[in-house]
């Protein structure tokens, strides 16, 4: 009888020791697994942080370089610097109104705005024949664009003169002979004033463009307008209606471009370095 009790006690002790050993093994395995997971997460987080820093560092020099170039041009003309560029944008500064072989110089102005960094820029060129081209930025494949337009006017643009605003915008959109349908100025509002209280008007527009290929494209966007000298100047920022309504942030982008538009009159005929 005593021998049986002793055997049972030994078996119970062995069983308890086995359970304890198993717990130790499982605990050790879990700790090892958790340590591996922690190391994995830490490595991933570190890699992501390094990638972000590297990407940001690589992107900033190009934007900073463009900003420096633009501010140098503005400084040469005695104009205020650009102090803010929307994230992902790059600034553009150009001069227009220097005349050509056929046209005398009239109302030369400096034009400034910012646009998405991947858009293709165009500025006026000057040679022995004079000035050619305009100032614009585009994403041709997607149909997004921002272009400068100017029109002689004895009237100054104002938020109350809706007829003048509509006339200017319609001429800017049909300057190449394009036919439009359903043209509409949806809303007109006061923009942020420039230096010396320079007034800017922002208009929401929509229209249908009839292309030479025989099909129609609905387009939508914003136009920023101002008056410098005896002219009206505007920046037309538009895209397809399909993209405008399908990508809500694109409307914000076009409005940011319009809000960044500034025009300054040049009192000198010197255009070196521009």
C-alpha atoms as a PDB file:
ATOM      1  CA  UNK A   1       0.000   0.000   0.000  1.00  0.00           C
ATOM      2  CA  UNK A   2       2.778   2.456   0.949  1.00  0.00           C
ATOM      3  CA  UNK A   3       4.646   1.521  -2.207  1.00  0.00           C
ATOM      4  CA  UNK A   4       1.591   2.386  -4.304  1.00  0.00           C
ATOM      5  CA  UNK A   5       1.244   5.793  -2.616  1.00  0.00           C
ATOM      6  CA  UNK A   6       4.902   6.536  -3.202  1.00  0.00           C
ATOM      7  CA  UNK A   7       4.552   5.608  -6.861  1.00  0.00           C
ATOM      8  CA  UNK A   8       1.510   7.895  -7.255  1.00  0.00           C
ATOM      9  CA  UNK A   9       3.371  10.815  -5.643  1.00  0.00           C
ATOM     10  CA  UNK A  10       6.322  10.277  -7.948  1.00  0.00           C
ATOM     11  CA  UNK A  11       4.011  10.237 -10.979  1.00  0.00           C
ATOM     12  CA  UNK A  12       2.281  13.460  -9.857  1.00  0.00           C
ATOM     13  CA  UNK A  13       5.613  15.189  -9.334  1.00  0.00           C
ATOM     14  CA  UNK A  14       6.850  14.063 -12.737  1.00  0.00           C
ATOM     15  CA  UNK A  15       3.608  15.321 -14.343  1.00  0.00           C
ATOM     16  CA  UNK A  16       3.943  18.712 -12.629  1.00  0.00           C
ATOM     17  CA  UNK A  17       7.557  18.981 -13.710  1.00  0.00           C
ATOM     18  CA  UNK A  18       6.577  18.147 -17.305  1.00  0.00           C
ATOM     19  CA  UNK A  19       3.861  20.838 -17.278  1.00  0.00           C
ATOM     20  CA  UNK A  20       6.304  23.357 -15.829  1.00  0.00           C
ATOM     21  CA  UNK A  21       8.864  22.521 -18.516  1.00  0.00           C
ATOM     22  CA  UNK A  22       6.249  22.882 -21.249  1.00  0.00           C
ATOM     23  CA  UNK A  23       5.195  26.286 -19.889  1.00  0.00           C
ATOM     24  CA  UNK A  24       8.812  27.389 -19.851  1.00  0.00           C
ATOM     25  CA  UNK A  25       9.289  26.251 -23.455  1.00  0.00           C
ATOM     26  CA  UNK A  26       6.061  27.932 -24.651  1.00  0.00           C
ATOM     27  CA  UNK A  27       6.869  31.139 -22.764  1.00  0.00           C
ATOM     28  CA  UNK A  28      10.361  31.200 -24.191  1.00  0.00           C
ATOM     29  CA  UNK A  29       9.021  30.622 -27.704  1.00  0.00           C
ATOM     30  CA  UNK A  30       6.434  33.373 -27.341  1.00  0.00           C
ATOM     31  CA  UNK A  31       9.048  35.797 -26.025  1.00  0.00           C
ATOM     32  CA  UNK A  32      11.304  34.953 -28.916  1.00  0.00           C
ATOM     33  CA  UNK A  33       8.453  35.407 -31.410  1.00  0.00           C
ATOM     34  CA  UNK A  34       7.381  38.690 -29.878  1.00  0.00           C
ATOM     35  CA  UNK A  35      10.969  39.908 -29.926  1.00  0.00           C
ATOM     36  CA  UNK A  36      11.178  38.996 -33.587  1.00  0.00           C
ATOM     37  CA  UNK A  37       7.920  40.829 -34.303  1.00  0.00           C
ATOM     38  CA  UNK A  38       9.102  43.859 -32.381  1.00  0.00           C
ATOM     39  CA  UNK A  39      12.326  43.871 -34.323  1.00  0.00           C
ATOM     40  CA  UNK A  40      10.370  43.491 -37.563  1.00  0.00           C
ATOM     41  CA  UNK A  41       8.048  46.396 -36.743  1.00  0.00           C
ATOM     42  CA  UNK A  42      10.952  48.541 -35.598  1.00  0.00           C
ATOM     43  CA  UNK A  43      12.862  47.812 -38.784  1.00  0.00           C
ATOM     44  CA  UNK A  44       9.817  48.594 -40.924  1.00  0.00           C
ATOM     45  CA  UNK A  45       9.126  51.832 -39.060  1.00  0.00           C
ATOM     46  CA  UNK A  46      12.756  52.895 -39.314  1.00  0.00           C
ATOM     47  CA  UNK A  47      12.850  52.125 -43.029  1.00  0.00           C
ATOM     48  CA  UNK A  48       9.644  54.112 -43.596  1.00  0.00           C
ATOM     49  CA  UNK A  49      11.003  57.067 -41.648  1.00  0.00           C
ATOM     50  CA  UNK A  50      14.281  57.026 -43.572  1.00  0.00           C
ATOM     51  CA  UNK A  51      12.389  56.775 -46.868  1.00  0.00           C
ATOM     52  CA  UNK A  52      10.178  59.722 -45.923  1.00  0.00           C
ATOM     53  CA  UNK A  53      13.147  61.850 -44.893  1.00  0.00           C
ATOM     54  CA  UNK A  54      15.066  60.923 -48.033  1.00  0.00           C
ATOM     55  CA  UNK A  55      12.081  61.646 -50.289  1.00  0.00           C
ATOM     56  CA  UNK A  56      11.451  64.986 -48.623  1.00  0.00           C
ATOM     57  CA  UNK A  57      15.115  65.936 -48.770  1.00  0.00           C
ATOM     58  CA  UNK A  58      15.338  65.010 -52.428  1.00  0.00           C
ATOM     59  CA  UNK A  59      12.163  66.962 -53.284  1.00  0.00           C
ATOM     60  CA  UNK A  60      12.887  70.155 -51.397  1.00  0.00           C
ATOM     61  CA  UNK A  61      16.069  71.271 -53.224  1.00  0.00           C
ATOM     62  CA  UNK A  62      14.249  71.455 -56.576  1.00  0.00           C
ATOM     63  CA  UNK A  63      11.370  73.455 -55.109  1.00  0.00           C
ATOM     64  CA  UNK A  64      13.762  75.636 -53.117  1.00  0.00           C
ATOM     65  CA  UNK A  65      15.860  76.207 -56.238  1.00  0.00           C
ATOM     66  CA  UNK A  66      12.836  77.298 -58.282  1.00  0.00           C
ATOM     67  CA  UNK A  67      11.721  79.566 -55.444  1.00  0.00           C
ATOM     68  CA  UNK A  68      15.175  81.136 -55.214  1.00  0.00           C
ATOM     69  CA  UNK A  69      15.235  81.742 -58.974  1.00  0.00           C
ATOM     70  CA  UNK A  70      11.793  83.341 -58.921  1.00  0.00           C
ATOM     71  CA  UNK A  71      12.614  85.530 -55.936  1.00  0.00           C
ATOM     72  CA  UNK A  72      15.857  86.648 -57.588  1.00  0.00           C
ATOM     73  CA  UNK A  73      13.884  87.782 -60.639  1.00  0.00           C
ATOM     74  CA  UNK A  74      11.367  89.598 -58.445  1.00  0.00           C
ATOM     75  CA  UNK A  75      14.149  91.227 -56.449  1.00  0.00           C
ATOM     76  CA  UNK A  76      15.813  92.458 -59.658  1.00  0.00           C
ATOM     77  CA  UNK A  77      12.600  94.280 -60.472  1.00  0.00           C
ATOM     78  CA  UNK A  78      12.248  95.656 -56.945  1.00  0.00           C
ATOM     79  CA  UNK A  79       9.199  93.470 -56.259  1.00  0.00           C
ATOM     80  CA  UNK A  80       8.271  91.569 -53.079  1.00  0.00           C
ATOM     81  CA  UNK A  81       9.372  87.922 -52.762  1.00  0.00           C
ATOM     82  CA  UNK A  82       7.140  84.866 -52.833  1.00  0.00           C
ATOM     83  CA  UNK A  83       6.775  83.792 -49.206  1.00  0.00           C
ATOM     84  CA  UNK A  84       4.428  80.806 -49.595  1.00  0.00           C
ATOM     85  CA  UNK A  85       4.070  78.016 -52.136  1.00  0.00           C
ATOM     86  CA  UNK A  86       1.328  75.365 -51.620  1.00  0.00           C
ATOM     87  CA  UNK A  87       2.662  71.853 -50.831  1.00  0.00           C
ATOM     88  CA  UNK A  88       3.666  70.008 -53.997  1.00  0.00           C
ATOM     89  CA  UNK A  89       3.661  73.235 -56.037  1.00  0.00           C
ATOM     90  CA  UNK A  90       6.449  75.122 -57.748  1.00  0.00           C
ATOM     91  CA  UNK A  91       6.459  78.876 -58.475  1.00  0.00           C
ATOM     92  CA  UNK A  92       6.662  80.504 -61.894  1.00  0.00           C
ATOM     93  CA  UNK A  93       7.615  84.100 -62.724  1.00  0.00           C
ATOM     94  CA  UNK A  94       7.554  85.494 -66.253  1.00  0.00           C
ATOM     95  CA  UNK A  95       7.419  88.786 -68.127  1.00  0.00           C
ATOM     96  CA  UNK A  96       5.009  89.681 -70.914  1.00  0.00           C
ATOM     97  CA  UNK A  97       4.268  92.813 -72.931  1.00  0.00           C
ATOM     98  CA  UNK A  98       7.711  93.514 -74.357  1.00  0.00           C
ATOM     99  CA  UNK A  99       6.388  93.931 -77.879  1.00  0.00           C
ATOM    100  CA  UNK A 100       7.553  92.362 -81.157  1.00  0.00           C
ATOM    101  CA  UNK A 101       8.717  93.326 -84.633  1.00  0.00           C
ATOM    102  CA  UNK A 102       5.095  94.144 -85.434  1.00  0.00           C
ATOM    103  CA  UNK A 103       3.940  95.513 -82.094  1.00  0.00           C
ATOM    104  CA  UNK A 104       5.441  98.212 -79.883  1.00  0.00           C
ATOM    105  CA  UNK A 105       6.072  97.478 -76.226  1.00  0.00           C
ATOM    106  CA  UNK A 106       2.933  98.185 -74.228  1.00  0.00           C
ATOM    107  CA  UNK A 107       2.129  97.709 -70.559  1.00  0.00           C
ATOM    108  CA  UNK A 108       4.938  95.231 -69.719  1.00  0.00           C
ATOM    109  CA  UNK A 109       4.078  93.233 -66.605  1.00  0.00           C
ATOM    110  CA  UNK A 110       5.568  90.561 -64.374  1.00  0.00           C
ATOM    111  CA  UNK A 111       3.285  87.553 -63.929  1.00  0.00           C
ATOM    112  CA  UNK A 112       3.571  85.245 -60.926  1.00  0.00           C
ATOM    113  CA  UNK A 113       1.735  82.080 -59.910  1.00  0.00           C
ATOM    114  CA  UNK A 114       2.357  78.601 -58.504  1.00  0.00           C
ATOM    115  CA  UNK A 115       1.363  75.262 -60.047  1.00  0.00           C
ATOM    116  CA  UNK A 116       1.738  71.503 -59.385  1.00  0.00           C
ATOM    117  CA  UNK A 117       5.397  70.534 -59.603  1.00  0.00           C
ATOM    118  CA  UNK A 118       4.991  68.050 -62.478  1.00  0.00           C
ATOM    119  CA  UNK A 119       3.218  70.443 -64.829  1.00  0.00           C
ATOM    120  CA  UNK A 120       5.101  71.664 -67.915  1.00  0.00           C
ATOM    121  CA  UNK A 121       5.903  75.385 -67.903  1.00  0.00           C
ATOM    122  CA  UNK A 122       5.990  77.810 -70.824  1.00  0.00           C
ATOM    123  CA  UNK A 123       7.091  81.448 -70.798  1.00  0.00           C
ATOM    124  CA  UNK A 124       7.520  84.158 -73.399  1.00  0.00           C
ATOM    125  CA  UNK A 125      10.694  84.321 -75.439  1.00  0.00           C
ATOM    126  CA  UNK A 126      12.478  87.412 -76.728  1.00  0.00           C
ATOM    127  CA  UNK A 127      14.780  87.742 -79.775  1.00  0.00           C
ATOM    128  CA  UNK A 128      15.534  90.209 -82.571  1.00  0.00           C
ATOM    129  CA  UNK A 129      11.943  89.911 -83.761  1.00  0.00           C
ATOM    130  CA  UNK A 130      10.597  90.746 -80.324  1.00  0.00           C
ATOM    131  CA  UNK A 131       8.437  88.783 -77.919  1.00  0.00           C
ATOM    132  CA  UNK A 132       6.499  85.600 -78.617  1.00  0.00           C
ATOM    133  CA  UNK A 133       4.421  83.108 -76.658  1.00  0.00           C
ATOM    134  CA  UNK A 134       2.570  83.347 -73.375  1.00  0.00           C
ATOM    135  CA  UNK A 135       2.943  82.226 -69.768  1.00  0.00           C
ATOM    136  CA  UNK A 136       1.365  78.914 -68.803  1.00  0.00           C
ATOM    137  CA  UNK A 137       1.684  75.581 -67.012  1.00  0.00           C
ATOM    138  CA  UNK A 138      -0.009  72.378 -68.158  1.00  0.00           C
ATOM    139  CA  UNK A 139      -0.533  68.683 -67.660  1.00  0.00           C
ATOM    140  CA  UNK A 140      -1.284  68.031 -71.326  1.00  0.00           C
ATOM    141  CA  UNK A 141      -2.129  64.340 -71.040  1.00  0.00           C
ATOM    142  CA  UNK A 142      -4.759  64.875 -68.352  1.00  0.00           C
ATOM    143  CA  UNK A 143      -6.148  68.085 -69.785  1.00  0.00           C
ATOM    144  CA  UNK A 144      -5.257  70.333 -66.820  1.00  0.00           C
ATOM    145  CA  UNK A 145      -3.999  73.825 -67.615  1.00  0.00           C
ATOM    146  CA  UNK A 146      -3.346  77.318 -66.311  1.00  0.00           C
ATOM    147  CA  UNK A 147      -2.638  80.082 -68.827  1.00  0.00           C
ATOM    148  CA  UNK A 148      -2.233  83.847 -68.757  1.00  0.00           C
ATOM    149  CA  UNK A 149      -4.342  86.172 -70.881  1.00  0.00           C
ATOM    150  CA  UNK A 150      -4.510  89.960 -71.141  1.00  0.00           C
ATOM    151  CA  UNK A 151      -6.893  92.344 -72.860  1.00  0.00           C
ATOM    152  CA  UNK A 152      -6.848  96.149 -73.346  1.00  0.00           C
ATOM    153  CA  UNK A 153      -9.633  97.777 -71.353  1.00  0.00           C
ATOM    154  CA  UNK A 154     -10.592 101.294 -70.346  1.00  0.00           C
ATOM    155  CA  UNK A 155     -12.614  99.753 -67.510  1.00  0.00           C
ATOM    156  CA  UNK A 156     -11.144  98.304 -64.339  1.00  0.00           C
ATOM    157  CA  UNK A 157     -12.255  94.832 -63.327  1.00  0.00           C
ATOM    158  CA  UNK A 158     -14.436  94.743 -60.220  1.00  0.00           C
ATOM    159  CA  UNK A 159     -16.706  92.278 -58.499  1.00  0.00           C
ATOM    160  CA  UNK A 160     -19.729  94.364 -59.476  1.00  0.00           C
ATOM    161  CA  UNK A 161     -18.968  94.431 -63.205  1.00  0.00           C
ATOM    162  CA  UNK A 162     -20.123  90.923 -64.124  1.00  0.00           C
ATOM    163  CA  UNK A 163     -20.496  91.800 -67.825  1.00  0.00           C
ATOM    164  CA  UNK A 164     -16.824  92.835 -68.093  1.00  0.00           C
ATOM    165  CA  UNK A 165     -15.704  89.678 -66.273  1.00  0.00           C
ATOM    166  CA  UNK A 166     -17.752  87.479 -68.578  1.00  0.00           C
ATOM    167  CA  UNK A 167     -16.471  89.297 -71.681  1.00  0.00           C
ATOM    168  CA  UNK A 168     -12.835  88.856 -70.648  1.00  0.00           C
ATOM    169  CA  UNK A 169     -13.180  85.161 -69.804  1.00  0.00           C
ATOM    170  CA  UNK A 170     -15.038  84.382 -73.021  1.00  0.00           C
ATOM    171  CA  UNK A 171     -12.336  86.094 -75.104  1.00  0.00           C
ATOM    172  CA  UNK A 172      -9.587  84.212 -73.245  1.00  0.00           C
ATOM    173  CA  UNK A 173     -11.225  80.863 -74.023  1.00  0.00           C
ATOM    174  CA  UNK A 174     -11.912  81.637 -77.708  1.00  0.00           C
ATOM    175  CA  UNK A 175      -8.644  83.427 -78.587  1.00  0.00           C
ATOM    176  CA  UNK A 176      -7.595  80.546 -80.873  1.00  0.00           C
ATOM    177  CA  UNK A 177     -10.959  80.384 -82.618  1.00  0.00           C
ATOM    178  CA  UNK A 178     -12.385  77.556 -80.514  1.00  0.00           C
ATOM    179  CA  UNK A 179     -16.176  77.315 -80.449  1.00  0.00           C
ATOM    180  CA  UNK A 180     -17.870  77.111 -77.039  1.00  0.00           C
ATOM    181  CA  UNK A 181     -21.279  75.988 -75.870  1.00  0.00           C
ATOM    182  CA  UNK A 182     -22.988  76.376 -72.495  1.00  0.00           C
ATOM    183  CA  UNK A 183     -20.478  78.970 -71.276  1.00  0.00           C
ATOM    184  CA  UNK A 184     -21.349  80.073 -67.750  1.00  0.00           C
ATOM    185  CA  UNK A 185     -19.796  82.146 -64.981  1.00  0.00           C
ATOM    186  CA  UNK A 186     -21.156  80.260 -61.972  1.00  0.00           C
ATOM    187  CA  UNK A 187     -19.881  82.483 -59.169  1.00  0.00           C
ATOM    188  CA  UNK A 188     -17.798  85.632 -58.722  1.00  0.00           C
ATOM    189  CA  UNK A 189     -16.051  86.423 -55.462  1.00  0.00           C
ATOM    190  CA  UNK A 190     -13.389  88.688 -54.038  1.00  0.00           C
ATOM    191  CA  UNK A 191      -9.906  87.212 -53.989  1.00  0.00           C
ATOM    192  CA  UNK A 192      -7.085  88.057 -51.599  1.00  0.00           C
ATOM    193  CA  UNK A 193      -5.768  91.538 -52.311  1.00  0.00           C
ATOM    194  CA  UNK A 194      -2.192  92.045 -53.467  1.00  0.00           C
ATOM    195  CA  UNK A 195       0.331  94.704 -52.530  1.00  0.00           C
ATOM    196  CA  UNK A 196      -0.992  98.259 -52.260  1.00  0.00           C
ATOM    197  CA  UNK A 197      -4.528  96.872 -52.140  1.00  0.00           C
ATOM    198  CA  UNK A 198      -4.388  95.460 -55.692  1.00  0.00           C
ATOM    199  CA  UNK A 199      -7.781  93.845 -56.308  1.00  0.00           C
ATOM    200  CA  UNK A 200      -8.168  90.276 -57.540  1.00  0.00           C
ATOM    201  CA  UNK A 201     -11.464  88.653 -58.539  1.00  0.00           C
ATOM    202  CA  UNK A 202     -12.028  84.878 -58.617  1.00  0.00           C
ATOM    203  CA  UNK A 203     -14.682  83.494 -60.992  1.00  0.00           C
ATOM    204  CA  UNK A 204     -15.965  79.907 -61.143  1.00  0.00           C
ATOM    205  CA  UNK A 205     -16.578  78.912 -64.750  1.00  0.00           C
ATOM    206  CA  UNK A 206     -17.927  76.014 -66.809  1.00  0.00           C
ATOM    207  CA  UNK A 207     -18.255  75.526 -70.563  1.00  0.00           C
ATOM    208  CA  UNK A 208     -18.308  72.974 -73.370  1.00  0.00           C
ATOM    209  CA  UNK A 209     -15.441  73.046 -75.857  1.00  0.00           C
ATOM    210  CA  UNK A 210     -16.217  71.966 -79.420  1.00  0.00           C
ATOM    211  CA  UNK A 211     -13.015  70.490 -80.784  1.00  0.00           C
ATOM    212  CA  UNK A 212     -11.814  70.426 -84.395  1.00  0.00           C
ATOM    213  CA  UNK A 213     -12.086  66.636 -84.244  1.00  0.00           C
ATOM    214  CA  UNK A 214     -15.861  66.966 -83.980  1.00  0.00           C
ATOM    215  CA  UNK A 215     -16.473  66.008 -80.370  1.00  0.00           C
ATOM    216  CA  UNK A 216     -17.303  68.084 -77.296  1.00  0.00           C
ATOM    217  CA  UNK A 217     -15.482  68.306 -73.956  1.00  0.00           C
ATOM    218  CA  UNK A 218     -17.063  69.730 -70.830  1.00  0.00           C
ATOM    219  CA  UNK A 219     -14.574  71.820 -68.857  1.00  0.00           C
ATOM    220  CA  UNK A 220     -14.636  73.540 -65.498  1.00  0.00           C
ATOM    221  CA  UNK A 221     -12.363  75.654 -63.299  1.00  0.00           C
ATOM    222  CA  UNK A 222     -11.467  79.120 -62.026  1.00  0.00           C
ATOM    223  CA  UNK A 223     -10.242  82.422 -63.439  1.00  0.00           C
ATOM    224  CA  UNK A 224      -8.356  85.021 -61.410  1.00  0.00           C
ATOM    225  CA  UNK A 225      -8.636  88.562 -62.791  1.00  0.00           C
ATOM    226  CA  UNK A 226      -7.039  91.906 -62.014  1.00  0.00           C
ATOM    227  CA  UNK A 227      -6.335  95.254 -63.722  1.00  0.00           C
ATOM    228  CA  UNK A 228      -2.820  96.662 -64.158  1.00  0.00           C
ATOM    229  CA  UNK A 229      -2.460  99.674 -66.443  1.00  0.00           C
ATOM    230  CA  UNK A 230      -5.141 100.033 -69.105  1.00  0.00           C
ATOM    231  CA  UNK A 231      -5.488  96.286 -69.340  1.00  0.00           C
ATOM    232  CA  UNK A 232      -7.219  93.375 -67.662  1.00  0.00           C
ATOM    233  CA  UNK A 233      -5.000  90.410 -66.819  1.00  0.00           C
ATOM    234  CA  UNK A 234      -6.236  86.939 -65.952  1.00  0.00           C
ATOM    235  CA  UNK A 235      -5.071  83.419 -65.177  1.00  0.00           C
ATOM    236  CA  UNK A 236      -7.417  80.738 -66.521  1.00  0.00           C
ATOM    237  CA  UNK A 237      -7.185  77.474 -64.533  1.00  0.00           C
ATOM    238  CA  UNK A 238      -9.297  74.669 -66.002  1.00  0.00           C
ATOM    239  CA  UNK A 239      -9.630  70.914 -66.436  1.00  0.00           C
ATOM    240  CA  UNK A 240     -12.220  68.503 -67.797  1.00  0.00           C
ATOM    241  CA  UNK A 241     -15.503  68.421 -65.905  1.00  0.00           C
ATOM    242  CA  UNK A 242     -15.077  64.661 -65.541  1.00  0.00           C
ATOM    243  CA  UNK A 243     -11.776  65.098 -63.697  1.00  0.00           C
ATOM    244  CA  UNK A 244     -13.052  68.086 -61.707  1.00  0.00           C
ATOM    245  CA  UNK A 245     -16.044  66.180 -60.325  1.00  0.00           C
ATOM    246  CA  UNK A 246     -14.222  62.845 -60.027  1.00  0.00           C
ATOM    247  CA  UNK A 247     -11.257  64.201 -58.063  1.00  0.00           C
ATOM    248  CA  UNK A 248     -12.390  66.658 -55.408  1.00  0.00           C
ATOM    249  CA  UNK A 249      -8.821  67.658 -54.582  1.00  0.00           C
ATOM    250  CA  UNK A 250      -8.332  68.822 -58.187  1.00  0.00           C
ATOM    251  CA  UNK A 251     -10.828  71.631 -57.630  1.00  0.00           C
ATOM    252  CA  UNK A 252      -8.790  72.692 -54.610  1.00  0.00           C
ATOM    253  CA  UNK A 253      -5.609  72.550 -56.714  1.00  0.00           C
ATOM    254  CA  UNK A 254      -7.072  74.794 -59.426  1.00  0.00           C
ATOM    255  CA  UNK A 255      -8.322  77.259 -56.811  1.00  0.00           C
ATOM    256  CA  UNK A 256      -4.861  77.329 -55.177  1.00  0.00           C
ATOM    257  CA  UNK A 257      -3.319  78.157 -58.560  1.00  0.00           C
ATOM    258  CA  UNK A 258      -5.823  80.970 -59.106  1.00  0.00           C
ATOM    259  CA  UNK A 259      -5.228  82.341 -55.594  1.00  0.00           C
ATOM    260  CA  UNK A 260      -1.451  82.443 -56.185  1.00  0.00           C
ATOM    261  CA  UNK A 261      -1.788  84.684 -59.278  1.00  0.00           C
ATOM    262  CA  UNK A 262      -0.131  88.108 -59.042  1.00  0.00           C
ATOM    263  CA  UNK A 263       0.626  90.789 -61.650  1.00  0.00           C
ATOM    264  CA  UNK A 264       3.039  93.740 -61.328  1.00  0.00           C
ATOM    265  CA  UNK A 265       3.542  96.602 -63.760  1.00  0.00           C
ATOM    266  CA  UNK A 266       7.081  97.287 -64.972  1.00  0.00           C
ATOM    267  CA  UNK A 267       8.048 100.925 -65.338  1.00  0.00           C
ATOM    268  CA  UNK A 268      11.312 100.061 -67.093  1.00  0.00           C
ATOM    269  CA  UNK A 269      12.047  98.525 -70.456  1.00  0.00           C
ATOM    270  CA  UNK A 270      14.997  96.570 -69.088  1.00  0.00           C
ATOM    271  CA  UNK A 271      14.386  92.805 -69.082  1.00  0.00           C
ATOM    272  CA  UNK A 272      17.839  91.328 -68.574  1.00  0.00           C
ATOM    273  CA  UNK A 273      17.986  87.862 -67.020  1.00  0.00           C
ATOM    274  CA  UNK A 274      14.305  87.043 -67.541  1.00  0.00           C
END
